Amino acid sequence: MALMITDECINCDVCEPECPNDAISQGEEIYIIDPKLCTECVGHFETSQCVEVCPVDCIPADPDCPETRDQLQKKYAKLTGEA
């Protein structure tokens, strides 16, 4: 499942540089996560780095983008050219 940033985001700028897939960008009001690029850091790290650094705990799983760990691993492989 890709992650999402809720409207509790305080625009602290700490999540964006932590994303190894460049899935996080500044939206109109808060940061946003592109579900096509988000692998929840599968393939890169054991835990989602944006969730680890978020000071307000506003990055849950996106219920509109359900994906298994295997699907996230395949997305990682495709994004990194390892597919």
C-alpha atoms as a PDB file:
ATOM      1  CA  MET A   1       0.000   0.000   0.000  1.00  0.00           C
ATOM      2  CA  ALA A   2       1.385   3.414  -0.836  1.00  0.00           C
ATOM      3  CA  LEU A   3       1.511   5.996   1.905  1.00  0.00           C
ATOM      4  CA  MET A   4      -0.314   9.315   2.047  1.00  0.00           C
ATOM      5  CA  ILE A   5       0.143  12.570   3.916  1.00  0.00           C
ATOM      6  CA  THR A   6      -2.881  13.850   5.807  1.00  0.00           C
ATOM      7  CA  ASP A   7      -3.941  17.449   6.341  1.00  0.00           C
ATOM      8  CA  GLU A   8      -2.260  17.307   9.748  1.00  0.00           C
ATOM      9  CA  CYS A   9       1.011  17.960   7.871  1.00  0.00           C
ATOM     10  CA  ILE A  10       2.831  21.022   9.210  1.00  0.00           C
ATOM     11  CA  ASN A  11       5.114  21.452   6.158  1.00  0.00           C
ATOM     12  CA  CYS A  12       8.220  20.892   8.242  1.00  0.00           C
ATOM     13  CA  ASP A  13      10.174  19.712   5.168  1.00  0.00           C
ATOM     14  CA  VAL A  14      11.759  16.660   6.831  1.00  0.00           C
ATOM     15  CA  CYS A  15      10.000  13.909   4.858  1.00  0.00           C
ATOM     16  CA  GLU A  16      10.779  14.974   1.294  1.00  0.00           C
ATOM     17  CA  PRO A  17      14.574  14.481   1.365  1.00  0.00           C
ATOM     18  CA  GLU A  18      14.188  11.095   3.098  1.00  0.00           C
ATOM     19  CA  CYS A  19      12.245   9.494   0.223  1.00  0.00           C
ATOM     20  CA  PRO A  20      14.551   7.293  -1.874  1.00  0.00           C
ATOM     21  CA  ASN A  21      12.031   7.221  -4.746  1.00  0.00           C
ATOM     22  CA  ASP A  22      11.378  10.995  -4.915  1.00  0.00           C
ATOM     23  CA  ALA A  23       7.691  10.228  -4.326  1.00  0.00           C
ATOM     24  CA  ILE A  24       7.172  13.171  -1.958  1.00  0.00           C
ATOM     25  CA  SER A  25       6.686  16.692  -3.246  1.00  0.00           C
ATOM     26  CA  GLN A  26       5.180  19.975  -2.110  1.00  0.00           C
ATOM     27  CA  GLY A  27       1.493  20.168  -2.968  1.00  0.00           C
ATOM     28  CA  GLU A  28      -0.686  23.266  -2.955  1.00  0.00           C
ATOM     29  CA  GLU A  29      -1.035  23.295   0.826  1.00  0.00           C
ATOM     30  CA  ILE A  30       0.822  20.284   2.212  1.00  0.00           C
ATOM     31  CA  TYR A  31       3.302  17.692   1.022  1.00  0.00           C
ATOM     32  CA  ILE A  32       1.912  14.897  -1.124  1.00  0.00           C
ATOM     33  CA  ILE A  33       3.037  11.373  -1.992  1.00  0.00           C
ATOM     34  CA  ASP A  34       2.804  10.036  -5.546  1.00  0.00           C
ATOM     35  CA  PRO A  35       1.416   6.498  -5.112  1.00  0.00           C
ATOM     36  CA  LYS A  36       3.006   5.444  -8.404  1.00  0.00           C
ATOM     37  CA  LEU A  37       6.444   6.094  -6.892  1.00  0.00           C
ATOM     38  CA  CYS A  38       5.868   5.136  -3.260  1.00  0.00           C
ATOM     39  CA  THR A  39       7.136   1.689  -2.271  1.00  0.00           C
ATOM     40  CA  GLU A  40       6.986   2.368   1.486  1.00  0.00           C
ATOM     41  CA  CYS A  41      10.793   2.156   1.178  1.00  0.00           C
ATOM     42  CA  VAL A  42      10.570  -1.567   0.345  1.00  0.00           C
ATOM     43  CA  GLY A  43      13.826  -2.455  -1.382  1.00  0.00           C
ATOM     44  CA  HIS A  44      15.642   0.465   0.216  1.00  0.00           C
ATOM     45  CA  PHE A  45      15.005   0.272   3.972  1.00  0.00           C
ATOM     46  CA  GLU A  46      13.252  -1.910   6.543  1.00  0.00           C
ATOM     47  CA  THR A  47      10.883   0.919   7.524  1.00  0.00           C
ATOM     48  CA  SER A  48       9.279   3.845   5.720  1.00  0.00           C
ATOM     49  CA  GLN A  49      11.730   6.688   6.186  1.00  0.00           C
ATOM     50  CA  CYS A  50       9.167   9.480   5.899  1.00  0.00           C
ATOM     51  CA  VAL A  51       7.106   7.904   8.688  1.00  0.00           C
ATOM     52  CA  GLU A  52      10.234   7.594  10.844  1.00  0.00           C
ATOM     53  CA  VAL A  53      11.067  11.317  10.632  1.00  0.00           C
ATOM     54  CA  CYS A  54       7.552  12.814  10.665  1.00  0.00           C
ATOM     55  CA  PRO A  55       7.127  14.781  13.908  1.00  0.00           C
ATOM     56  CA  VAL A  56       3.305  14.836  13.765  1.00  0.00           C
ATOM     57  CA  ASP A  57       2.554  11.254  12.694  1.00  0.00           C
ATOM     58  CA  CYS A  58       0.569  12.279   9.609  1.00  0.00           C
ATOM     59  CA  ILE A  59       1.712   9.602   7.116  1.00  0.00           C
ATOM     60  CA  PRO A  60      -0.595   6.558   7.189  1.00  0.00           C
ATOM     61  CA  ALA A  61      -1.157   3.898   4.552  1.00  0.00           C
ATOM     62  CA  ASP A  62      -3.327   5.105   1.676  1.00  0.00           C
ATOM     63  CA  PRO A  63      -6.512   2.999   1.694  1.00  0.00           C
ATOM     64  CA  ASP A  64      -7.095   3.896  -1.973  1.00  0.00           C
ATOM     65  CA  CYS A  65      -3.829   2.214  -3.014  1.00  0.00           C
ATOM     66  CA  PRO A  66      -3.762  -1.283  -1.510  1.00  0.00           C
ATOM     67  CA  GLU A  67      -0.558  -3.163  -2.344  1.00  0.00           C
ATOM     68  CA  THR A  68       1.106  -6.222  -0.863  1.00  0.00           C
ATOM     69  CA  ARG A  69       4.774  -6.273   0.113  1.00  0.00           C
ATOM     70  CA  ASP A  70       5.407  -8.399  -2.992  1.00  0.00           C
ATOM     71  CA  GLN A  71       3.736  -5.775  -5.202  1.00  0.00           C
ATOM     72  CA  LEU A  72       5.804  -3.043  -3.544  1.00  0.00           C
ATOM     73  CA  GLN A  73       8.971  -5.077  -4.169  1.00  0.00           C
ATOM     74  CA  LYS A  74       8.041  -5.427  -7.851  1.00  0.00           C
ATOM     75  CA  LYS A  75       7.360  -1.686  -8.074  1.00  0.00           C
ATOM     76  CA  TYR A  76      10.781  -1.038  -6.508  1.00  0.00           C
ATOM     77  CA  ALA A  77      12.427  -3.319  -9.083  1.00  0.00           C
ATOM     78  CA  LYS A  78      10.671  -1.506 -11.928  1.00  0.00           C
ATOM     79  CA  LEU A  79      11.552   1.956 -10.570  1.00  0.00           C
ATOM     80  CA  THR A  80      15.213   1.059 -10.104  1.00  0.00           C
ATOM     81  CA  GLY A  81      15.597  -0.821 -13.374  1.00  0.00           C
ATOM     82  CA  GLU A  82      16.113  -4.152 -11.647  1.00  0.00           C
ATOM     83  CA  ALA A  83      12.994  -5.680 -13.181  1.00  0.00           C
END
